[in-house]
Protein backbone atom coordinates (compact mmCIF):
# COMPACT_ATOMS: atom_id res chain seq x y z
CA UNK A 1 -23.30 1.74 -7.20
CA UNK A 2 -20.50 0.75 -5.50
CA UNK A 3 -18.11 1.28 -3.07
CA UNK A 4 -15.05 0.08 -4.09
CA UNK A 5 -14.27 -0.93 -7.86
CA UNK A 6 -12.18 -3.52 -9.24
CA UNK A 7 -10.42 -3.09 -12.25
CA UNK A 8 -8.27 -5.57 -14.14
CA UNK A 9 -5.91 -3.91 -16.34
CA UNK A 10 -2.95 -5.80 -17.60
CA UNK A 11 -1.73 -7.62 -14.58
CA UNK A 12 -2.83 -5.58 -12.07
CA UNK A 13 -5.67 -5.21 -10.26
CA UNK A 14 -6.62 -1.91 -8.94
CA UNK A 15 -8.54 -0.73 -6.24
CA UNK A 16 -10.96 1.76 -6.39
CA UNK A 17 -12.06 4.11 -3.14
CA UNK A 18 -15.85 5.19 -5.14
CA UNK A 19 -17.18 7.79 -3.13
CA UNK A 20 -16.10 10.72 -4.66
CA UNK A 21 -18.93 13.15 -2.75
CA UNK A 22 -17.64 12.26 0.01
CA UNK A 23 -13.85 12.83 -1.11
CA UNK A 24 -13.46 8.80 -0.68
CA UNK A 25 -14.33 8.63 3.33
CA UNK A 26 -13.25 5.62 5.04
CA UNK A 27 -16.42 4.11 6.10
CA UNK A 28 -16.54 0.96 7.93
CA UNK A 29 -18.01 -1.06 5.03
CA UNK A 30 -15.35 0.80 2.57
CA UNK A 31 -12.32 -0.65 4.12
CA UNK A 32 -13.58 -3.95 4.63
CA UNK A 33 -14.12 -3.94 0.82
CA UNK A 34 -10.75 -3.44 0.50
CA UNK A 35 -9.61 -5.77 3.07
CA UNK A 36 -12.03 -8.49 0.72
CA UNK A 37 -10.22 -7.64 -2.36
CA UNK A 38 -7.06 -8.10 -1.59
CA UNK A 39 -8.14 -11.41 -0.56
CA UNK A 40 -9.56 -11.61 -3.88
CA UNK A 41 -6.43 -11.12 -5.58
CA UNK A 42 -4.02 -12.83 -3.94
CA UNK A 43 -6.20 -16.06 -5.29
CA UNK A 44 -6.37 -14.57 -8.88
CA UNK A 45 -4.40 -15.48 -12.51
CA UNK A 46 -2.60 -13.40 -13.66
CA UNK A 47 -2.80 -10.62 -10.28
CA UNK A 48 0.74 -9.40 -10.11
CA UNK A 49 -0.39 -6.42 -8.01
CA UNK A 50 -3.10 -4.68 -6.13
CA UNK A 51 -3.12 -0.34 -7.18
CA UNK A 52 -5.01 1.36 -4.83
CA UNK A 53 -6.68 4.51 -6.26
CA UNK A 54 -9.25 7.15 -5.39
CA UNK A 55 -12.43 7.64 -8.14
CA UNK A 56 -12.84 11.56 -8.44
CA UNK A 57 -11.18 14.63 -8.69
CA UNK A 58 -10.79 15.85 -5.09
CA UNK A 59 -9.18 12.48 -2.86
CA UNK A 60 -7.74 9.47 -3.13
CA UNK A 61 -8.85 9.84 0.70
CA UNK A 62 -9.97 12.59 3.37
CA UNK A 63 -9.87 10.09 5.73
CA UNK A 64 -11.92 7.99 8.40
CA UNK A 65 -15.48 8.53 7.94
CA UNK A 66 -16.33 11.32 10.55
CA UNK A 67 -19.60 11.32 9.82
CA UNK A 68 -20.03 7.78 10.82
CA UNK A 69 -17.68 7.97 14.18
CA UNK A 70 -19.82 10.36 15.52
CA UNK A 71 -22.33 7.91 15.60
CA UNK A 72 -20.33 5.35 17.60
CA UNK A 73 -19.65 4.93 21.21
CA UNK A 74 -15.95 4.63 22.17
CA UNK A 75 -16.21 0.77 21.53
CA UNK A 76 -18.06 1.31 17.66
CA UNK A 77 -15.00 3.42 17.29
CA UNK A 78 -12.88 1.47 18.59
CA UNK A 79 -13.98 -1.14 15.54
CA UNK A 80 -13.98 1.28 13.44
CA UNK A 81 -9.83 2.11 13.77
CA UNK A 82 -9.44 -1.67 14.61
CA UNK A 83 -11.20 -2.53 11.04
CA UNK A 84 -9.07 -0.16 9.09
CA UNK A 85 -5.50 -1.44 11.04
CA UNK A 86 -6.98 -5.30 9.54
CA UNK A 87 -6.57 -3.52 6.46
CA UNK A 88 -2.62 -2.79 7.04
CA UNK A 89 -1.61 -6.63 8.11
CA UNK A 90 -4.18 -8.32 4.79
CA UNK A 91 -1.17 -5.78 2.31
CA UNK A 92 1.68 -6.66 4.68
CA UNK A 93 0.55 -10.39 4.64
CA UNK A 94 -0.80 -10.59 0.79
CA UNK A 95 2.16 -12.87 -1.78
CA UNK A 96 1.29 -9.10 -4.13
CA UNK A 97 2.51 -6.04 -4.14
CA UNK A 98 0.73 -3.19 -2.52
CA UNK A 99 0.25 0.34 -4.47
CA UNK A 100 -1.03 3.42 -3.75
CA UNK A 101 -1.44 5.98 -6.87
CA UNK A 102 -2.84 8.62 -4.95
CA UNK A 103 -4.33 12.00 -5.73
CA UNK A 104 -5.55 15.38 -4.17
CA UNK A 105 -6.08 14.48 0.18
CA UNK A 106 -4.43 12.41 1.07
CA UNK A 107 -5.59 12.84 5.07
CA UNK A 108 -5.86 11.14 8.26
CA UNK A 109 -7.20 7.39 7.88
CA UNK A 110 -6.26 7.48 3.84
CA UNK A 111 -2.64 8.30 5.15
CA UNK A 112 -2.44 5.61 7.19
CA UNK A 113 -3.47 3.53 3.97
CA UNK A 114 -1.26 4.47 1.92
CA UNK A 115 1.97 4.11 4.04
CA UNK A 116 0.13 0.26 4.92
CA UNK A 117 1.21 0.37 1.03
CA UNK A 118 4.16 -1.21 -0.22
CA UNK A 119 5.27 1.74 -2.82
CA UNK A 120 3.20 4.98 -2.94
CA UNK A 121 3.31 7.06 -5.59
CA UNK A 122 1.71 10.77 -5.55
CA UNK A 123 0.41 13.12 -7.94
CA UNK A 124 1.93 16.48 -7.70
CA UNK A 125 -1.36 17.49 -7.00
CA UNK A 126 -1.39 15.11 -3.47
CA UNK A 127 -1.46 16.70 -0.50
CA UNK A 128 -1.19 14.74 2.96
CA UNK A 129 -1.36 15.26 6.62
CA UNK A 130 -2.09 13.79 9.41
CA UNK A 131 -5.05 16.14 10.90
CA UNK A 132 -5.90 13.67 14.60
CA UNK A 133 -3.30 15.69 15.97
CA UNK A 134 -5.78 18.65 15.47
CA UNK A 135 -8.36 17.07 18.13
CA UNK A 136 -7.35 15.77 20.50
CA UNK A 137 -5.61 12.75 19.73
CA UNK A 138 -3.74 11.08 17.18
CA UNK A 139 -3.84 8.73 14.22
CA UNK A 140 -5.82 5.58 15.65
CA UNK A 141 -4.99 2.36 13.02
CA UNK A 142 -1.04 2.11 13.34
CA UNK A 143 -0.21 5.25 11.70
CA UNK A 144 2.84 6.53 14.22
CA UNK A 145 3.92 2.59 13.77
CA UNK A 146 3.78 2.86 10.01
CA UNK A 147 5.55 5.83 9.56
CA UNK A 148 8.42 5.17 12.11
CA UNK A 149 9.30 2.03 10.26
CA UNK A 150 9.59 3.77 6.96
CA UNK A 151 10.49 8.13 7.24
CA UNK A 152 12.95 6.63 10.33
CA UNK A 153 11.60 7.83 14.20
CA UNK A 154 13.43 12.02 14.04
CA UNK A 155 11.27 12.26 10.31
CA UNK A 156 8.06 9.90 11.89
CA UNK A 157 8.79 12.77 15.63
CA UNK A 158 8.77 15.49 12.82
CA UNK A 159 5.45 15.28 11.03
CA UNK A 160 3.63 13.73 13.58
CA UNK A 161 4.95 16.05 16.72
CA UNK A 162 4.35 19.48 14.18
CA UNK A 163 0.85 18.77 12.44
CA UNK A 164 1.18 20.42 8.80
CA UNK A 165 0.46 19.57 4.91
CA UNK A 166 3.51 17.70 3.32
CA UNK A 167 2.93 18.93 -0.65
CA UNK A 168 3.56 16.09 -3.27
CA UNK A 169 7.56 17.31 -2.79
CA UNK A 170 7.68 17.77 0.49
CA UNK A 171 6.79 13.65 1.08
CA UNK A 172 9.00 12.44 -1.79
CA UNK A 173 11.86 14.46 0.44
CA UNK A 174 10.66 12.95 3.72
CA UNK A 175 10.48 9.05 1.88
CA UNK A 176 6.74 8.88 2.55
CA UNK A 177 6.41 8.27 -0.99
CA UNK A 178 8.77 7.07 -3.78
CA UNK A 179 7.48 9.28 -6.78
CA UNK A 180 6.35 12.05 -7.70
CA UNK A 181 4.22 12.00 -11.65
CA UNK A 182 1.95 14.92 -13.22
CA UNK A 183 -1.54 14.38 -12.79
CA UNK A 184 -3.03 13.32 -16.10
CA UNK A 185 0.27 11.18 -15.51
CA UNK A 186 -0.57 8.67 -12.45
CA UNK A 187 -2.26 6.01 -13.56
CA UNK A 188 0.07 5.69 -16.33
CA UNK A 189 2.54 5.62 -13.66
CA UNK A 190 1.37 2.67 -11.31
CA UNK A 191 0.83 0.18 -14.25
CA UNK A 192 4.77 1.07 -15.22
CA UNK A 193 5.21 -0.14 -11.83
CA UNK A 194 3.13 -3.14 -12.48
CA UNK A 195 4.50 -3.77 -15.29
CA UNK A 196 8.28 -3.77 -13.93
CA UNK A 197 7.17 -5.95 -11.20
CA UNK A 198 5.72 -8.21 -14.39
CA UNK A 199 9.53 -9.11 -14.93
CA UNK A 200 10.49 -11.27 -11.73
CA UNK A 201 8.88 -14.16 -10.58
CA UNK A 202 5.89 -14.01 -8.18
CA UNK A 203 7.65 -16.34 -5.40
CA UNK A 204 10.97 -14.48 -5.66
CA UNK A 205 8.63 -11.52 -5.69
CA UNK A 206 6.64 -12.50 -2.24
CA UNK A 207 9.37 -14.72 -0.46
CA UNK A 208 11.27 -10.88 -0.42
CA UNK A 209 8.06 -9.20 0.07
CA UNK A 210 8.04 -11.31 3.33
CA UNK A 211 11.91 -10.59 3.91
CA UNK A 212 12.00 -7.35 3.82
CA UNK A 213 8.56 -6.71 6.38
CA UNK A 214 10.07 -9.41 9.10
CA UNK A 215 13.85 -8.94 9.35
CA UNK A 216 13.53 -5.49 9.40
CA UNK A 217 13.44 -5.81 13.35
CA UNK A 218 14.89 -8.28 13.56
CA UNK A 219 18.84 -9.04 15.27
CA UNK A 220 21.75 -8.98 12.64
CA UNK A 221 22.64 -12.59 12.69
CA UNK A 222 19.02 -13.31 12.76
CA UNK A 223 18.12 -11.17 10.03
CA UNK A 224 20.93 -13.29 7.48
CA UNK A 225 18.93 -16.66 8.68
CA UNK A 226 15.43 -15.80 8.64
CA UNK A 227 16.23 -14.35 5.37
CA UNK A 228 18.10 -17.02 4.09
CA UNK A 229 14.51 -19.78 5.31
CA UNK A 230 13.35 -17.79 2.77
CA UNK A 231 15.44 -17.39 -0.48
CA UNK A 232 16.64 -21.09 -0.39
CA UNK A 233 13.64 -22.69 -1.60
CA UNK A 234 13.53 -20.58 -4.84
CA UNK A 235 15.86 -22.67 -6.42
CA UNK A 236 13.78 -25.26 -6.12
CA UNK A 237 11.09 -23.78 -7.61
CA UNK A 238 10.34 -24.39 -12.20
CA UNK A 239 11.00 -20.41 -12.08
CA UNK A 240 14.64 -19.81 -11.36
CA UNK A 241 14.90 -22.90 -14.04
CA UNK A 242 13.09 -21.31 -16.39
CA UNK A 243 15.19 -18.24 -15.24
CA UNK A 244 18.67 -19.20 -15.88
CA UNK A 245 17.24 -21.24 -19.22
CA UNK A 246 16.33 -18.06 -20.60
CA UNK A 247 19.06 -16.31 -19.86
CA UNK A 248 21.85 -18.76 -21.17
CA UNK A 249 19.08 -18.67 -24.53
CA UNK A 250 19.30 -14.50 -23.93
CA UNK A 251 14.87 -14.00 -24.19
CA UNK A 252 11.95 -12.81 -21.59
CA UNK A 253 11.12 -15.81 -19.39
CA UNK A 254 7.64 -17.12 -18.70
CA UNK A 255 7.48 -17.00 -15.42
CA UNK A 256 4.28 -18.66 -13.50
CA UNK A 257 4.92 -19.27 -9.76
CA UNK A 258 5.71 -22.17 -9.71
């Protein structure tokens, strides 16, 4: 049985963590499979977005595989943590939007994985938290960096300094997730996001994702110039010409990523 399944649903590639008996704990092998799946999706014809989800009823992911971690020395623990950081970088560098569809427990490394995604949709039963804060450490795969850039410094400190479990609705209020839906509608909500993305040009989404990620920490004037370097080449693409023509002809554009 594969520890990560790959499921094609229209324009979406769903990467499903498939260790339900271990609440989809993130072993080094599973994390590396996620990284490989993200890379493969970026090269697959017709894929417009990646959805990361968890198998089983109990968890998106309860976090890093602590049984594996207990067998590792300090160097091995660092390697285990770094493998999840590399997935965060792979998500950032992918030209495709990556959506986390979260249900049940989303803790520790599982929350870091969700935070690394571009968008997060939560089922009403989702519960978020960083148990590392009660174990003598703090999230070790980039969680503080990811969280502070997402929700701001003050809210990130509040979440991290006062370890607690957050409900889906609290996570929505704090800006940790963008949407909360009934558990039964989680997959459909993720597919609706993918359908909406499919109405836009792939090259435009890829460039926009880069602009948003790369300009956020730049000085304002530098950010504007960098954004222009990413935006202006779109004017000469086949998709831009097609979009303008489709608007004049009042029809749906046929975007091909060209």
